[in-house]
PDB file of N, CA and C in Angstrom:
ATOM      1  N   MET A   1       0.849  -1.161   0.000  1.00  0.00           N
ATOM      2  CA  MET A   1       0.000   0.000   0.000  1.00  0.00           C
ATOM      3  C   MET A   1       0.894   1.223   0.000  1.00  0.00           C
ATOM      4  N   THR A   2       0.550   2.150  -0.852  1.00  0.00           N
ATOM      5  CA  THR A   2       1.351   3.373  -0.984  1.00  0.00           C
ATOM      6  C   THR A   2       0.602   4.550  -0.369  1.00  0.00           C
ATOM      7  N   PRO A   3       1.305   5.644  -0.150  1.00  0.00           N
ATOM      8  CA  PRO A   3       0.616   6.852   0.329  1.00  0.00           C
ATOM      9  C   PRO A   3      -0.505   7.292  -0.625  1.00  0.00           C
ATOM     10  N   ASP A   4      -0.296   7.132  -1.931  1.00  0.00           N
ATOM     11  CA  ASP A   4      -1.353   7.485  -2.884  1.00  0.00           C
ATOM     12  C   ASP A   4      -2.580   6.594  -2.713  1.00  0.00           C
ATOM     13  N   ASP A   5      -2.353   5.314  -2.428  1.00  0.00           N
ATOM     14  CA  ASP A   5      -3.474   4.400  -2.183  1.00  0.00           C
ATOM     15  C   ASP A   5      -4.278   4.852  -0.963  1.00  0.00           C
ATOM     16  N   ILE A   6      -3.582   5.243   0.068  1.00  0.00           N
ATOM     17  CA  ILE A   6      -4.252   5.695   1.296  1.00  0.00           C
ATOM     18  C   ILE A   6      -5.032   6.974   1.029  1.00  0.00           C
ATOM     19  N   ARG A   7      -4.433   7.916   0.309  1.00  0.00           N
ATOM     20  CA  ARG A   7      -5.133   9.159  -0.028  1.00  0.00           C
ATOM     21  C   ARG A   7      -6.384   8.866  -0.866  1.00  0.00           C
ATOM     22  N   ALA A   8      -6.253   7.971  -1.834  1.00  0.00           N
ATOM     23  CA  ALA A   8      -7.406   7.626  -2.680  1.00  0.00           C
ATOM     24  C   ALA A   8      -8.529   7.029  -1.839  1.00  0.00           C
ATOM     25  N   PHE A   9      -8.168   6.194  -0.875  1.00  0.00           N
ATOM     26  CA  PHE A   9      -9.183   5.600  -0.003  1.00  0.00           C
ATOM     27  C   PHE A   9      -9.862   6.663   0.852  1.00  0.00           C
ATOM     28  N   VAL A  10      -9.071   7.511   1.475  1.00  0.00           N
ATOM     29  CA  VAL A  10      -9.612   8.546   2.359  1.00  0.00           C
ATOM     30  C   VAL A  10     -10.487   9.530   1.585  1.00  0.00           C
ATOM     31  N   ASN A  11     -10.097   9.846   0.364  1.00  0.00           N
ATOM     32  CA  ASN A  11     -10.797  10.864  -0.413  1.00  0.00           C
ATOM     33  C   ASN A  11     -11.879  10.311  -1.338  1.00  0.00           C
ATOM     34  N   ARG A  12     -12.233   9.048  -1.191  1.00  0.00           N
ATOM     35  CA  ARG A  12     -13.245   8.481  -2.085  1.00  0.00           C
ATOM     36  C   ARG A  12     -14.619   9.074  -1.785  1.00  0.00           C
ATOM     37  N   ASP A  13     -15.524   8.896  -2.680  1.00  0.00           N
ATOM     38  CA  ASP A  13     -16.890   9.424  -2.555  1.00  0.00           C
ATOM     39  C   ASP A  13     -17.681   8.503  -1.617  1.00  0.00           C
ATOM     40  N   TRP A  14     -17.660   8.837  -0.340  1.00  0.00           N
ATOM     41  CA  TRP A  14     -18.275   7.968   0.665  1.00  0.00           C
ATOM     42  C   TRP A  14     -19.790   7.891   0.508  1.00  0.00           C
ATOM     43  N   ASP A  15     -20.420   8.947   0.003  1.00  0.00           N
ATOM     44  CA  ASP A  15     -21.866   8.877  -0.247  1.00  0.00           C
ATOM     45  C   ASP A  15     -22.165   7.850  -1.336  1.00  0.00           C
ATOM     46  N   ALA A  16     -21.335   7.815  -2.362  1.00  0.00           N
ATOM     47  CA  ALA A  16     -21.521   6.820  -3.430  1.00  0.00           C
ATOM     48  C   ALA A  16     -21.277   5.414  -2.906  1.00  0.00           C
ATOM     49  N   VAL A  17     -20.304   5.256  -2.020  1.00  0.00           N
ATOM     50  CA  VAL A  17     -20.035   3.946  -1.418  1.00  0.00           C
ATOM     51  C   VAL A  17     -21.262   3.485  -0.620  1.00  0.00           C
ATOM     52  N   ALA A  18     -21.819   4.377   0.193  1.00  0.00           N
ATOM     53  CA  ALA A  18     -22.997   4.031   0.989  1.00  0.00           C
ATOM     54  C   ALA A  18     -24.179   3.682   0.093  1.00  0.00           C
ATOM     55  N   ALA A  19     -24.381   4.458  -0.965  1.00  0.00           N
ATOM     56  CA  ALA A  19     -25.488   4.173  -1.893  1.00  0.00           C
ATOM     57  C   ALA A  19     -25.286   2.830  -2.577  1.00  0.00           C
ATOM     58  N   SER A  20     -24.063   2.529  -2.937  1.00  0.00           N
ATOM     59  CA  SER A  20     -23.765   1.253  -3.584  1.00  0.00           C
ATOM     60  C   SER A  20     -24.045   0.084  -2.642  1.00  0.00           C
ATOM     61  N   LYS A  21     -23.650   0.224  -1.373  1.00  0.00           N
ATOM     62  CA  LYS A  21     -23.911  -0.834  -0.395  1.00  0.00           C
ATOM     63  C   LYS A  21     -25.409  -1.022  -0.181  1.00  0.00           C
ATOM     64  N   THR A  22     -26.140   0.072  -0.103  1.00  0.00           N
ATOM     65  CA  THR A  22     -27.590  -0.015   0.066  1.00  0.00           C
ATOM     66  C   THR A  22     -28.223  -0.714  -1.126  1.00  0.00           C
ATOM     67  N   ALA A  23     -27.813  -0.347  -2.319  1.00  0.00           N
ATOM     68  CA  ALA A  23     -28.360  -0.983  -3.528  1.00  0.00           C
ATOM     69  C   ALA A  23     -28.013  -2.464  -3.568  1.00  0.00           C
ATOM     70  N   TYR A  24     -26.797  -2.801  -3.198  1.00  0.00           N
ATOM     71  CA  TYR A  24     -26.376  -4.210  -3.191  1.00  0.00           C
ATOM     72  C   TYR A  24     -27.253  -5.037  -2.250  1.00  0.00           C
ATOM     73  N   TRP A  25     -27.407  -4.563  -0.997  1.00  0.00           N
ATOM     74  CA  TRP A  25     -28.169  -5.342  -0.028  1.00  0.00           C
ATOM     75  C   TRP A  25     -29.658  -5.360  -0.366  1.00  0.00           C
ATOM     76  N   ALA A  26     -30.181  -4.301  -0.960  1.00  0.00           N
ATOM     77  CA  ALA A  26     -31.583  -4.304  -1.388  1.00  0.00           C
ATOM     78  C   ALA A  26     -31.797  -5.365  -2.464  1.00  0.00           C
ATOM     79  N   GLU A  27     -30.888  -5.444  -3.418  1.00  0.00           N
ATOM     80  CA  GLU A  27     -30.998  -6.459  -4.474  1.00  0.00           C
ATOM     81  C   GLU A  27     -30.839  -7.864  -3.906  1.00  0.00           C
ATOM     82  N   ARG A  28     -29.877  -8.039  -3.016  1.00  0.00           N
ATOM     83  CA  ARG A  28     -29.702  -9.363  -2.395  1.00  0.00           C
ATOM     84  C   ARG A  28     -30.959  -9.766  -1.639  1.00  0.00           C
ATOM     85  N   PHE A  29     -31.573  -8.819  -0.925  1.00  0.00           N
ATOM     86  CA  PHE A  29     -32.782  -9.129  -0.170  1.00  0.00           C
ATOM     87  C   PHE A  29     -33.921  -9.497  -1.116  1.00  0.00           C
ATOM     88  N   ARG A  30     -34.084  -8.741  -2.193  1.00  0.00           N
ATOM     89  CA  ARG A  30     -35.129  -9.061  -3.172  1.00  0.00           C
ATOM     90  C   ARG A  30     -34.915 -10.449  -3.763  1.00  0.00           C
ATOM     91  N   ARG A  31     -33.671 -10.750  -4.087  1.00  0.00           N
ATOM     92  CA  ARG A  31     -33.359 -12.000  -4.771  1.00  0.00           C
ATOM     93  C   ARG A  31     -33.323 -13.205  -3.828  1.00  0.00           C
ATOM     94  N   ASP A  32     -32.693 -13.043  -2.646  1.00  0.00           N
ATOM     95  CA  ASP A  32     -32.392 -14.188  -1.791  1.00  0.00           C
ATOM     96  C   ASP A  32     -33.092 -14.178  -0.435  1.00  0.00           C
ATOM     97  N   GLY A  33     -33.853 -13.136  -0.142  1.00  0.00           N
ATOM     98  CA  GLY A  33     -34.515 -13.072   1.162  1.00  0.00           C
ATOM     99  C   GLY A  33     -33.574 -12.571   2.247  1.00  0.00           C
ATOM    100  N   TRP A  34     -33.944 -12.826   3.482  1.00  0.00           N
ATOM    101  CA  TRP A  34     -33.225 -12.273   4.630  1.00  0.00           C
ATOM    102  C   TRP A  34     -31.978 -13.070   5.011  1.00  0.00           C
ATOM    103  N   GLN A  35     -31.840 -14.305   4.538  1.00  0.00           N
ATOM    104  CA  GLN A  35     -30.746 -15.166   4.991  1.00  0.00           C
ATOM    105  C   GLN A  35     -29.341 -14.602   4.742  1.00  0.00           C
ATOM    106  N   PRO A  36     -29.036 -14.035   3.555  1.00  0.00           N
ATOM    107  CA  PRO A  36     -27.677 -13.498   3.374  1.00  0.00           C
ATOM    108  C   PRO A  36     -27.322 -12.371   4.360  1.00  0.00           C
ATOM    109  N   ALA A  37     -28.277 -11.504   4.641  1.00  0.00           N
ATOM    110  CA  ALA A  37     -28.011 -10.431   5.607  1.00  0.00           C
ATOM    111  C   ALA A  37     -27.787 -11.020   6.997  1.00  0.00           C
ATOM    112  N   TRP A  38     -28.572 -12.019   7.354  1.00  0.00           N
ATOM    113  CA  TRP A  38     -28.412 -12.690   8.650  1.00  0.00           C
ATOM    114  C   TRP A  38     -27.040 -13.350   8.738  1.00  0.00           C
ATOM    115  N   GLN A  39     -26.651 -14.057   7.676  1.00  0.00           N
ATOM    116  CA  GLN A  39     -25.355 -14.732   7.664  1.00  0.00           C
ATOM    117  C   GLN A  39     -24.210 -13.727   7.779  1.00  0.00           C
ATOM    118  N   ALA A  40     -24.330 -12.596   7.089  1.00  0.00           N
ATOM    119  CA  ALA A  40     -23.290 -11.567   7.172  1.00  0.00           C
ATOM    120  C   ALA A  40     -23.212 -11.004   8.585  1.00  0.00           C
ATOM    121  N   SER A  41     -24.358 -10.733   9.198  1.00  0.00           N
ATOM    122  CA  SER A  41     -24.337 -10.179  10.552  1.00  0.00           C
ATOM    123  C   SER A  41     -23.785 -11.191  11.549  1.00  0.00           C
ATOM    124  N   GLU A  42     -24.102 -12.462  11.365  1.00  0.00           N
ATOM    125  CA  GLU A  42     -23.568 -13.498  12.255  1.00  0.00           C
ATOM    126  C   GLU A  42     -22.058 -13.644  12.087  1.00  0.00           C
ATOM    127  N   ALA A  43     -21.565 -13.515  10.850  1.00  0.00           N
ATOM    128  CA  ALA A  43     -20.117 -13.587  10.621  1.00  0.00           C
ATOM    129  C   ALA A  43     -19.410 -12.412  11.297  1.00  0.00           C
ATOM    130  N   LEU A  44     -20.013 -11.221  11.217  1.00  0.00           N
ATOM    131  CA  LEU A  44     -19.429 -10.053  11.885  1.00  0.00           C
ATOM    132  C   LEU A  44     -19.436 -10.229  13.402  1.00  0.00           C
ATOM    133  N   ARG A  45     -20.537 -10.770  13.934  1.00  0.00           N
ATOM    134  CA  ARG A  45     -20.616 -10.992  15.380  1.00  0.00           C
ATOM    135  C   ARG A  45     -19.572 -12.009  15.824  1.00  0.00           C
ATOM    136  N   ALA A  46     -19.417 -13.081  15.055  1.00  0.00           N
ATOM    137  CA  ALA A  46     -18.428 -14.108  15.402  1.00  0.00           C
ATOM    138  C   ALA A  46     -17.008 -13.539  15.389  1.00  0.00           C
ATOM    139  N   GLU A  47     -16.718 -12.706  14.394  1.00  0.00           N
ATOM    140  CA  GLU A  47     -15.388 -12.085  14.333  1.00  0.00           C
ATOM    141  C   GLU A  47     -15.173 -11.167  15.521  1.00  0.00           C
ATOM    142  N   MET A  48     -16.205 -10.402  15.882  1.00  0.00           N
ATOM    143  CA  MET A  48     -16.084  -9.512  17.034  1.00  0.00           C
ATOM    144  C   MET A  48     -15.838 -10.321  18.307  1.00  0.00           C
ATOM    145  N   ARG A  49     -16.530 -11.443  18.444  1.00  0.00           N
ATOM    146  CA  ARG A  49     -16.335 -12.293  19.625  1.00  0.00           C
ATOM    147  C   ARG A  49     -14.931 -12.904  19.635  1.00  0.00           C
ATOM    148  N   ARG A  50     -14.381 -13.172  18.442  1.00  0.00           N
ATOM    149  CA  ARG A  50     -13.028 -13.703  18.373  1.00  0.00           C
ATOM    150  C   ARG A  50     -12.028 -12.648  18.855  1.00  0.00           C
ATOM    151  N   VAL A  51     -12.245 -11.402  18.434  1.00  0.00           N
ATOM    152  CA  VAL A  51     -11.349 -10.304  18.798  1.00  0.00           C
ATOM    153  C   VAL A  51     -11.566  -9.890  20.245  1.00  0.00           C
ATOM    154  N   ARG A  52     -12.826  -9.862  20.659  1.00  0.00           N
ATOM    155  CA  ARG A  52     -13.194  -9.431  22.014  1.00  0.00           C
ATOM    156  C   ARG A  52     -14.191 -10.406  22.599  1.00  0.00           C
ATOM    157  N   PRO A  53     -13.720 -11.437  23.303  1.00  0.00           N
ATOM    158  CA  PRO A  53     -14.626 -12.481  23.812  1.00  0.00           C
ATOM    159  C   PRO A  53     -15.752 -11.978  24.719  1.00  0.00           C
ATOM    160  N   ASP A  54     -15.578 -10.812  25.331  1.00  0.00           N
ATOM    161  CA  ASP A  54     -16.623 -10.282  26.215  1.00  0.00           C
ATOM    162  C   ASP A  54     -17.716  -9.539  25.459  1.00  0.00           C
ATOM    163  N   TYR A  55     -17.594  -9.474  24.129  1.00  0.00           N
ATOM    164  CA  TYR A  55     -18.568  -8.725  23.323  1.00  0.00           C
ATOM    165  C   TYR A  55     -19.890  -9.468  23.240  1.00  0.00           C
ATOM    166  N   PRO A  56     -20.995  -8.819  23.399  1.00  0.00           N
ATOM    167  CA  PRO A  56     -21.147  -7.443  23.864  1.00  0.00           C
ATOM    168  C   PRO A  56     -21.148  -7.391  25.387  1.00  0.00           C
ATOM    169  N   ASN A  57     -20.546  -6.359  25.929  1.00  0.00           N
ATOM    170  CA  ASN A  57     -20.559  -6.219  27.385  1.00  0.00           C
ATOM    171  C   ASN A  57     -21.900  -5.629  27.828  1.00  0.00           C
ATOM    172  N   GLU A  58     -22.082  -5.476  29.115  1.00  0.00           N
ATOM    173  CA  GLU A  58     -23.378  -5.008  29.638  1.00  0.00           C
ATOM    174  C   GLU A  58     -23.744  -3.618  29.120  1.00  0.00           C
ATOM    175  N   ARG A  59     -22.772  -2.725  29.043  1.00  0.00           N
ATOM    176  CA  ARG A  59     -23.051  -1.370  28.547  1.00  0.00           C
ATOM    177  C   ARG A  59     -23.495  -1.419  27.081  1.00  0.00           C
ATOM    178  N   GLU A  60     -22.795  -2.195  26.281  1.00  0.00           N
ATOM    179  CA  GLU A  60     -23.154  -2.311  24.869  1.00  0.00           C
ATOM    180  C   GLU A  60     -24.536  -2.937  24.699  1.00  0.00           C
ATOM    181  N   ARG A  61     -24.847  -3.920  25.531  1.00  0.00           N
ATOM    182  CA  ARG A  61     -26.167  -4.539  25.461  1.00  0.00           C
ATOM    183  C   ARG A  61     -27.256  -3.540  25.840  1.00  0.00           C
ATOM    184  N   ALA A  62     -26.994  -2.718  26.841  1.00  0.00           N
ATOM    185  CA  ALA A  62     -27.974  -1.713  27.254  1.00  0.00           C
ATOM    186  C   ALA A  62     -28.176  -0.673  26.148  1.00  0.00           C
ATOM    187  N   LEU A  63     -27.091  -0.244  25.523  1.00  0.00           N
ATOM    188  CA  LEU A  63     -27.214   0.716  24.416  1.00  0.00           C
ATOM    189  C   LEU A  63     -27.974   0.096  23.244  1.00  0.00           C
ATOM    190  N   ASP A  64     -27.709  -1.157  22.947  1.00  0.00           N
ATOM    191  CA  ASP A  64     -28.396  -1.844  21.855  1.00  0.00           C
ATOM    192  C   ASP A  64     -29.892  -1.960  22.159  1.00  0.00           C
ATOM    193  N   PHE A  65     -30.218  -2.309  23.394  1.00  0.00           N
ATOM    194  CA  PHE A  65     -31.623  -2.433  23.783  1.00  0.00           C
ATOM    195  C   PHE A  65     -32.331  -1.086  23.668  1.00  0.00           C
ATOM    196  N   ALA A  66     -31.661  -0.025  24.097  1.00  0.00           N
ATOM    197  CA  ALA A  66     -32.249   1.313  23.991  1.00  0.00           C
ATOM    198  C   ALA A  66     -32.497   1.681  22.526  1.00  0.00           C
ATOM    199  N   ALA A  67     -31.562   1.326  21.654  1.00  0.00           N
ATOM    200  CA  ALA A  67     -31.749   1.601  20.225  1.00  0.00           C
ATOM    201  C   ALA A  67     -32.930   0.821  19.668  1.00  0.00           C
ATOM    202  N   HIS A  68     -33.099  -0.412  20.126  1.00  0.00           N
ATOM    203  CA  HIS A  68     -34.242  -1.219  19.683  1.00  0.00           C
ATOM    204  C   HIS A  68     -35.560  -0.607  20.144  1.00  0.00           C
ATOM    205  N   LEU A  69     -35.583  -0.061  21.354  1.00  0.00           N
ATOM    206  CA  LEU A  69     -36.802   0.572  21.849  1.00  0.00           C
ATOM    207  C   LEU A  69     -37.158   1.805  21.020  1.00  0.00           C
ATOM    208  N   VAL A  70     -36.155   2.584  20.646  1.00  0.00           N
ATOM    209  CA  VAL A  70     -36.389   3.757  19.793  1.00  0.00           C
ATOM    210  C   VAL A  70     -36.941   3.306  18.441  1.00  0.00           C
ATOM    211  N   LEU A  71     -36.331   2.280  17.859  1.00  0.00           N
ATOM    212  CA  LEU A  71     -36.807   1.773  16.571  1.00  0.00           C
ATOM    213  C   LEU A  71     -38.236   1.259  16.684  1.00  0.00           C
ATOM    214  N   ARG A  72     -38.530   0.528  17.739  1.00  0.00           N
ATOM    215  CA  ARG A  72     -39.892   0.014  17.910  1.00  0.00           C
ATOM    216  C   ARG A  72     -40.894   1.154  18.016  1.00  0.00           C
ATOM    217  N   ASP A  73     -40.548   2.186  18.760  1.00  0.00           N
ATOM    218  CA  ASP A  73     -41.445   3.336  18.883  1.00  0.00           C
ATOM    219  C   ASP A  73     -41.689   3.977  17.518  1.00  0.00           C
ATOM    220  N   ARG A  74     -40.644   4.129  16.731  1.00  0.00           N
ATOM    221  CA  ARG A  74     -40.796   4.733  15.400  1.00  0.00           C
ATOM    222  C   ARG A  74     -41.661   3.846  14.497  1.00  0.00           C
ATOM    223  N   LEU A  75     -41.449   2.545  14.553  1.00  0.00           N
ATOM    224  CA  LEU A  75     -42.258   1.633  13.738  1.00  0.00           C
ATOM    225  C   LEU A  75     -43.721   1.654  14.187  1.00  0.00           C
ATOM    226  N   ASP A  76     -43.943   1.707  15.491  1.00  0.00           N
ATOM    227  CA  ASP A  76     -45.315   1.778  16.002  1.00  0.00           C
ATOM    228  C   ASP A  76     -46.006   3.058  15.526  1.00  0.00           C
ATOM    229  N   ARG A  77     -45.278   4.188  15.584  1.00  0.00           N
ATOM    230  CA  ARG A  77     -45.866   5.446  15.129  1.00  0.00           C
ATOM    231  C   ARG A  77     -46.157   5.420  13.631  1.00  0.00           C
ATOM    232  N   ALA A  78     -45.257   4.814  12.880  1.00  0.00           N
ATOM    233  CA  ALA A  78     -45.494   4.697  11.432  1.00  0.00           C
ATOM    234  C   ALA A  78     -46.696   3.809  11.154  1.00  0.00           C
ATOM    235  N   ALA A  79     -46.806   2.712  11.870  1.00  0.00           N
ATOM    236  CA  ALA A  79     -47.944   1.817  11.693  1.00  0.00           C
ATOM    237  C   ALA A  79     -49.251   2.528  12.025  1.00  0.00           C
ATOM    238  N   ASP A  80     -49.242   3.314  13.094  1.00  0.00           N
ATOM    239  CA  ASP A  80     -50.435   4.070  13.459  1.00  0.00           C
ATOM    240  C   ASP A  80     -50.797   5.076  12.365  1.00  0.00           C
ATOM    241  N   ALA A  81     -49.797   5.748  11.820  1.00  0.00           N
ATOM    242  CA  ALA A  81     -50.050   6.743  10.778  1.00  0.00           C
ATOM    243  C   ALA A  81     -50.656   6.080   9.543  1.00  0.00           C
ATOM    244  N   PHE A  82     -50.168   4.904   9.173  1.00  0.00           N
ATOM    245  CA  PHE A  82     -50.702   4.229   7.992  1.00  0.00           C
ATOM    246  C   PHE A  82     -52.077   3.628   8.254  1.00  0.00           C
ATOM    247  N   SER A  83     -52.329   3.197   9.476  1.00  0.00           N
ATOM    248  CA  SER A  83     -53.627   2.580   9.765  1.00  0.00           C
ATOM    249  C   SER A  83     -54.757   3.612   9.827  1.00  0.00           C
ATOM    250  N   ARG A  84     -54.428   4.891  10.031  1.00  0.00           N
ATOM    251  CA  ARG A  84     -55.436   5.942  10.082  1.00  0.00           C
ATOM    252  C   ARG A  84     -55.812   6.469   8.707  1.00  0.00           C
ATOM    253  N   ARG A  85     -55.140   6.020   7.677  1.00  0.00           N
ATOM    254  CA  ARG A  85     -55.419   6.530   6.333  1.00  0.00           C
ATOM    255  C   ARG A  85     -56.731   6.005   5.823  1.00  0.00           C
TER     256      ARG A  85
END
């Protein structure tokens, strides 16, 4: 890896990268269902556990649970908005 390679990586169009990833996973989901996303997330979790056997710790679990509660509230509000139409 050269300094130019590092600069090219740092200066890449990150919005385009994010859009490309979103398009990729949307197509995979349409074509193959939820299993590939599940397998990818499980592989990431396994790698994290290999690097950090205590993962997730209690603080991380609490933060994750709080994020799930926020998501559930948003989904509930969206469901209510659509059911009133």
